Amino acid sequence: MTIDSRQVAAGMLEAVPFARTLGVEFVEVAPEAEGGVRAVVRLPDSPANHNHVGGPHAGALFALGETASGAVVLAAFGQLLDRVVPLAVRAEIAYRKVATGPVLATARLGRPVPEVLAELEAGQRPEFPVDVEIGTEDGAPTSAMTVVWTLRPHR
């Protein structure tokens, strides 16, 4: 699998204006072993995004994680956009400690691409998780998130 990370970043920023509003930056979108996909997305430190304790607001962290997960989905299944619409079905986030400074979200596809594609080809509407680790730039984890996505066929 080859991934054009610039194309994924441009597609995400066009499709999700809120990511532009937050100032989200795409650090990396790359294939991993066994058909996996990884995306790393950065939220710069900005007082406009802070909460009452001086770290990024919970909503900004959630949006960062969801954006990273969307980049993984676009990289893995973007070739199907003429047939399907990727949709987030549900998400769960655990805020473990206050982040300070710029924050990174690293998202990974939770199921092999061929498995998801096989379900789609069999007429099913597949669901698949994207796991996201959120932390400081020096690598300290601060939050964990899972976003479950589906591929809805065009009607």
Protein backbone atom coordinates (compact mmCIF):
# COMPACT_ATOMS: atom_id res chain seq x y z
CA MET A 1 0.00 0.00 0.00
CA THR A 2 1.32 3.43 -0.92
CA ILE A 3 0.00 6.53 0.78
CA ASP A 4 0.32 10.12 -0.38
CA SER A 5 0.38 11.83 3.01
CA ARG A 6 0.09 15.31 1.47
CA GLN A 7 -3.04 14.27 -0.40
CA VAL A 8 -4.57 12.78 2.76
CA ALA A 9 -3.77 15.95 4.74
CA ALA A 10 -5.23 18.21 2.03
CA GLY A 11 -8.34 16.01 1.78
CA MET A 12 -8.90 16.07 5.52
CA LEU A 13 -8.48 19.84 5.80
CA GLU A 14 -10.89 20.35 2.91
CA ALA A 15 -13.50 17.91 4.21
CA VAL A 16 -13.21 18.92 7.88
CA PRO A 17 -13.02 22.72 8.20
CA PHE A 18 -13.01 22.44 12.00
CA ALA A 19 -9.55 20.84 11.80
CA ARG A 20 -8.36 24.02 10.08
CA THR A 21 -10.05 26.13 12.76
CA LEU A 22 -8.09 24.29 15.47
CA GLY A 23 -4.84 24.60 13.49
CA VAL A 24 -4.35 20.84 13.24
CA GLU A 25 -1.15 19.83 11.46
CA PHE A 26 -0.57 16.49 9.72
CA VAL A 27 2.83 15.13 10.74
CA GLU A 28 2.70 11.69 9.12
CA VAL A 29 0.35 9.32 7.35
CA ALA A 30 2.05 6.02 6.55
CA PRO A 31 1.49 2.32 5.97
CA GLU A 32 2.40 -0.15 8.69
CA ALA A 33 3.07 -3.90 8.69
CA GLU A 34 0.36 -6.28 7.54
CA GLY A 35 -1.67 -3.64 5.71
CA GLY A 36 -2.08 -1.32 8.66
CA VAL A 37 -2.16 2.46 8.52
CA ARG A 38 -0.85 5.05 10.99
CA ALA A 39 -1.47 8.79 11.16
CA VAL A 40 0.19 11.32 13.45
CA VAL A 41 -1.57 14.66 13.84
CA ARG A 42 -0.42 17.66 15.90
CA LEU A 43 -2.36 20.31 17.82
CA PRO A 44 -0.13 23.36 18.37
CA ASP A 45 -0.21 24.94 21.80
CA SER A 46 -2.60 27.89 21.70
CA PRO A 47 -4.26 29.79 24.53
CA ALA A 48 -7.41 29.85 22.38
CA ASN A 49 -7.63 26.04 22.80
CA HIS A 50 -6.90 25.95 26.55
CA ASN A 51 -9.25 24.93 29.35
CA HIS A 52 -9.47 26.20 32.91
CA VAL A 53 -6.34 24.28 34.02
CA GLY A 54 -4.08 25.52 31.21
CA GLY A 55 -4.03 22.49 28.94
CA PRO A 56 -5.85 21.80 25.70
CA HIS A 57 -9.63 21.75 26.14
CA ALA A 58 -11.20 18.28 26.19
CA GLY A 59 -13.14 19.15 23.04
CA ALA A 60 -9.93 20.12 21.24
CA LEU A 61 -8.30 16.82 22.26
CA PHE A 62 -11.36 14.89 21.11
CA ALA A 63 -11.33 16.72 17.77
CA LEU A 64 -7.60 16.04 17.39
CA GLY A 65 -8.09 12.31 18.00
CA GLU A 66 -11.09 12.09 15.71
CA THR A 67 -9.17 13.94 12.99
CA ALA A 68 -6.23 11.53 13.31
CA SER A 69 -8.62 8.59 13.05
CA GLY A 70 -10.23 10.14 9.98
CA ALA A 71 -6.82 10.47 8.32
CA VAL A 72 -6.27 6.74 8.87
CA VAL A 73 -9.67 5.97 7.32
CA LEU A 74 -9.04 8.24 4.34
CA ALA A 75 -5.59 6.70 3.78
CA ALA A 76 -6.91 3.14 4.03
CA PHE A 77 -10.19 3.51 2.14
CA GLY A 78 -9.96 6.74 0.14
CA GLN A 79 -9.97 4.79 -3.12
CA LEU A 80 -13.58 3.83 -2.34
CA LEU A 81 -15.03 7.35 -1.95
CA ASP A 82 -16.90 7.02 -5.24
CA ARG A 83 -18.82 4.09 -3.67
CA VAL A 84 -18.93 4.75 0.09
CA VAL A 85 -19.06 7.48 2.70
CA PRO A 86 -16.85 6.91 5.76
CA LEU A 87 -18.73 7.79 8.94
CA ALA A 88 -17.73 7.78 12.59
CA VAL A 89 -20.24 5.57 14.42
CA ARG A 90 -19.16 6.10 18.03
CA ALA A 91 -16.13 7.16 20.03
CA GLU A 92 -14.78 6.83 23.53
CA ILE A 93 -11.98 8.82 25.10
CA ALA A 94 -10.18 8.52 28.42
CA TYR A 95 -8.53 11.71 29.69
CA ARG A 96 -5.71 10.47 31.93
CA LYS A 97 -3.62 13.53 32.70
CA VAL A 98 -3.37 17.17 31.70
CA ALA A 99 -1.37 17.76 28.55
CA THR A 100 0.76 20.85 28.22
CA GLY A 101 2.31 22.34 25.13
CA PRO A 102 1.74 20.94 21.65
CA VAL A 103 -0.09 17.60 21.57
CA LEU A 104 0.26 14.67 19.18
CA ALA A 105 -2.41 12.09 18.32
CA THR A 106 -1.21 8.82 16.82
CA ALA A 107 -3.99 6.76 15.23
CA ARG A 108 -3.82 3.17 14.02
CA LEU A 109 -6.31 1.09 12.09
CA GLY A 110 -7.68 -1.65 14.34
CA ARG A 111 -8.56 -4.22 11.63
CA PRO A 112 -6.78 -5.32 8.46
CA VAL A 113 -7.90 -3.45 5.33
CA PRO A 114 -8.59 -6.68 3.36
CA GLU A 115 -10.92 -7.92 6.11
CA VAL A 116 -12.96 -4.69 6.03
CA LEU A 117 -13.05 -4.73 2.22
CA ALA A 118 -14.24 -8.36 2.19
CA GLU A 119 -17.20 -7.44 4.40
CA LEU A 120 -18.04 -4.50 2.14
CA GLU A 121 -17.85 -6.68 -0.99
CA ALA A 122 -20.12 -9.24 0.72
CA GLY A 123 -22.82 -6.56 0.99
CA GLN A 124 -22.24 -5.80 4.66
CA ARG A 125 -21.66 -2.41 6.21
CA PRO A 126 -18.36 -3.01 8.01
CA GLU A 127 -17.44 -1.40 11.29
CA PHE A 128 -13.83 -1.08 12.37
CA PRO A 129 -12.00 0.63 15.23
CA VAL A 130 -9.25 3.18 14.98
CA ASP A 131 -7.22 3.41 18.19
CA VAL A 132 -5.68 6.76 19.07
CA GLU A 133 -2.97 7.56 21.60
CA ILE A 134 -2.81 11.25 22.53
CA GLY A 135 0.19 12.70 24.29
CA THR A 136 2.76 15.42 24.59
CA GLU A 137 5.47 15.94 21.98
CA ASP A 138 8.03 14.34 24.29
CA GLY A 139 5.99 11.11 24.25
CA ALA A 140 4.12 11.26 27.58
CA PRO A 141 0.66 9.73 27.06
CA THR A 142 -2.24 11.87 28.29
CA SER A 143 -5.37 10.39 26.67
CA ALA A 144 -6.53 7.30 24.80
CA MET A 145 -9.38 7.16 22.32
CA THR A 146 -11.13 4.65 20.10
CA VAL A 147 -13.27 5.77 17.19
CA VAL A 148 -15.41 3.16 15.47
CA TRP A 149 -16.00 3.87 11.78
CA THR A 150 -18.20 2.40 9.07
CA LEU A 151 -18.25 2.58 5.29
CA ARG A 152 -21.79 3.43 4.19
CA PRO A 153 -22.49 2.64 0.53
CA HIS A 154 -23.86 5.53 -1.54
CA ARG A 155 -27.58 5.28 -2.05
